[in-house]
C-alpha atoms as a PDB file:
ATOM      1  CA  MET A   1       0.001  -0.005   0.002  1.00  0.00           C
ATOM      2  CA  LYS A   2       1.458   3.337  -1.058  1.00  0.00           C
ATOM      3  CA  LYS A   3       0.905   6.466   0.949  1.00  0.00           C
ATOM      4  CA  TYR A   4       1.059   9.813  -0.811  1.00  0.00           C
ATOM      5  CA  LEU A   5       1.758  12.770   1.438  1.00  0.00           C
ATOM      6  CA  SER A   6       1.091  15.206  -1.372  1.00  0.00           C
ATOM      7  CA  SER A   7      -2.708  14.834  -1.399  1.00  0.00           C
ATOM      8  CA  CYS A   8      -5.548  15.680   0.952  1.00  0.00           C
ATOM      9  CA  ARG A   9      -6.417  12.848   3.322  1.00  0.00           C
ATOM     10  CA  ASP A  10     -10.161  13.475   3.131  1.00  0.00           C
ATOM     11  CA  CYS A  11     -10.838  14.224  -0.508  1.00  0.00           C
ATOM     12  CA  GLY A  12      -7.630  13.138  -2.216  1.00  0.00           C
ATOM     13  CA  ASP A  13      -7.080  16.479  -4.005  1.00  0.00           C
ATOM     14  CA  ASP A  14      -3.439  16.830  -5.011  1.00  0.00           C
ATOM     15  CA  THR A  15      -3.623  20.130  -6.914  1.00  0.00           C
ATOM     16  CA  CYS A  16      -4.059  22.562  -4.016  1.00  0.00           C
ATOM     17  CA  ILE A  17      -2.035  23.847  -1.123  1.00  0.00           C
ATOM     18  CA  LEU A  18      -2.165  21.481   1.839  1.00  0.00           C
ATOM     19  CA  THR A  19      -2.172  22.191   5.568  1.00  0.00           C
ATOM     20  CA  GLN A  20      -0.601  19.807   8.056  1.00  0.00           C
ATOM     21  CA  VAL A  21      -3.076  19.119  10.861  1.00  0.00           C
ATOM     22  CA  SER A  22      -1.095  16.609  12.904  1.00  0.00           C
ATOM     23  CA  SER A  23       2.360  15.968  14.130  1.00  0.00           C
ATOM     24  CA  GLY A  24       3.833  12.615  14.775  1.00  0.00           C
ATOM     25  CA  PRO A  25       5.015   9.656  12.820  1.00  0.00           C
ATOM     26  CA  GLU A  26       2.249   9.997  10.217  1.00  0.00           C
ATOM     27  CA  ALA A  27       1.506  13.528   8.961  1.00  0.00           C
ATOM     28  CA  ILE A  28      -2.095  14.251   8.115  1.00  0.00           C
ATOM     29  CA  LEU A  29      -2.569  16.839   5.348  1.00  0.00           C
ATOM     30  CA  LEU A  30      -5.818  18.543   4.384  1.00  0.00           C
ATOM     31  CA  CYS A  31      -6.654  20.882   1.503  1.00  0.00           C
ATOM     32  CA  SER A  32      -8.014  24.295   2.415  1.00  0.00           C
ATOM     33  CA  ASP A  33     -11.646  23.304   1.766  1.00  0.00           C
ATOM     34  CA  CYS A  34     -11.471  20.199   3.977  1.00  0.00           C
ATOM     35  CA  TYR A  35      -9.527  22.095   6.657  1.00  0.00           C
ATOM     36  CA  ASN A  36     -12.121  24.918   6.755  1.00  0.00           C
ATOM     37  CA  LEU A  37     -14.978  22.422   6.803  1.00  0.00           C
ATOM     38  CA  LYS A  38     -13.430  20.476   9.677  1.00  0.00           C
ATOM     39  CA  ASN A  39     -12.792  23.617  11.717  1.00  0.00           C
ATOM     40  CA  SER A  40     -16.245  25.051  11.082  1.00  0.00           C
ATOM     41  CA  GLU A  41     -17.855  21.790  12.261  1.00  0.00           C
ATOM     42  CA  GLU A  42     -15.723  21.771  15.427  1.00  0.00           C
ATOM     43  CA  ILE A  43     -16.617  25.419  16.154  1.00  0.00           C
ATOM     44  CA  GLN A  44     -20.304  24.735  15.527  1.00  0.00           C
ATOM     45  CA  ASN A  45     -20.237  21.773  17.917  1.00  0.00           C
ATOM     46  CA  GLU A  46     -18.527  23.886  20.579  1.00  0.00           C
ATOM     47  CA  ILE A  47     -21.169  26.630  20.237  1.00  0.00           C
ATOM     48  CA  ILE A  48     -24.002  24.092  20.549  1.00  0.00           C
ATOM     49  CA  TYR A  49     -22.351  22.556  23.596  1.00  0.00           C
ATOM     50  CA  ASN A  50     -21.890  25.936  25.265  1.00  0.00           C
ATOM     51  CA  GLU A  51     -25.537  26.883  24.587  1.00  0.00           C
ATOM     52  CA  LYS A  52     -26.768  23.610  26.159  1.00  0.00           C
ATOM     53  CA  GLU A  53     -24.470  24.124  29.134  1.00  0.00           C
ATOM     54  CA  ASN A  54     -25.774  27.685  29.744  1.00  0.00           C
ATOM     55  CA  SER A  55     -29.477  26.638  29.525  1.00  0.00           C
END
Protein backbone atom coordinates (compact mmCIF):
# COMPACT_ATOMS: atom_id res chain seq x y z
CA MET A 1 0.00 0.00 0.00
CA LYS A 2 1.47 3.33 -1.06
CA LYS A 3 0.90 6.47 0.94
CA TYR A 4 1.05 9.81 -0.81
CA LEU A 5 1.76 12.78 1.43
CA SER A 6 1.08 15.20 -1.38
CA SER A 7 -2.70 14.83 -1.38
CA CYS A 8 -5.55 15.67 0.96
CA ARG A 9 -6.40 12.84 3.34
CA ASP A 10 -10.16 13.47 3.15
CA CYS A 11 -10.85 14.23 -0.52
CA GLY A 12 -7.62 13.14 -2.23
CA ASP A 13 -7.08 16.48 -4.01
CA ASP A 14 -3.44 16.83 -5.02
CA THR A 15 -3.63 20.12 -6.91
CA CYS A 16 -4.05 22.56 -4.02
CA ILE A 17 -2.04 23.85 -1.12
CA LEU A 18 -2.17 21.47 1.84
CA THR A 19 -2.17 22.19 5.56
CA GLN A 20 -0.60 19.80 8.05
CA VAL A 21 -3.08 19.12 10.86
CA SER A 22 -1.10 16.60 12.91
CA SER A 23 2.36 15.98 14.14
CA GLY A 24 3.83 12.62 14.77
CA PRO A 25 5.03 9.65 12.82
CA GLU A 26 2.25 10.00 10.22
CA ALA A 27 1.52 13.52 8.96
CA ILE A 28 -2.10 14.27 8.10
CA LEU A 29 -2.56 16.84 5.36
CA LEU A 30 -5.82 18.55 4.38
CA CYS A 31 -6.66 20.88 1.51
CA SER A 32 -8.01 24.31 2.43
CA ASP A 33 -11.64 23.30 1.77
CA CYS A 34 -11.48 20.20 3.98
CA TYR A 35 -9.54 22.10 6.65
CA ASN A 36 -12.12 24.92 6.75
CA LEU A 37 -14.99 22.42 6.81
CA LYS A 38 -13.43 20.47 9.68
CA ASN A 39 -12.78 23.63 11.72
CA SER A 40 -16.25 25.06 11.08
CA GLU A 41 -17.85 21.79 12.26
CA GLU A 42 -15.73 21.79 15.43
CA ILE A 43 -16.61 25.42 16.17
CA GLN A 44 -20.31 24.74 15.53
CA ASN A 45 -20.23 21.75 17.92
CA GLU A 46 -18.53 23.90 20.57
CA ILE A 47 -21.17 26.63 20.23
CA ILE A 48 -24.01 24.10 20.55
CA TYR A 49 -22.35 22.55 23.60
CA ASN A 50 -21.91 25.94 25.27
CA GLU A 51 -25.53 26.88 24.58
CA LYS A 52 -26.77 23.62 26.15
CA GLU A 53 -24.46 24.15 29.13
CA ASN A 54 -25.78 27.68 29.75
CA SER A 55 -29.46 26.64 29.53
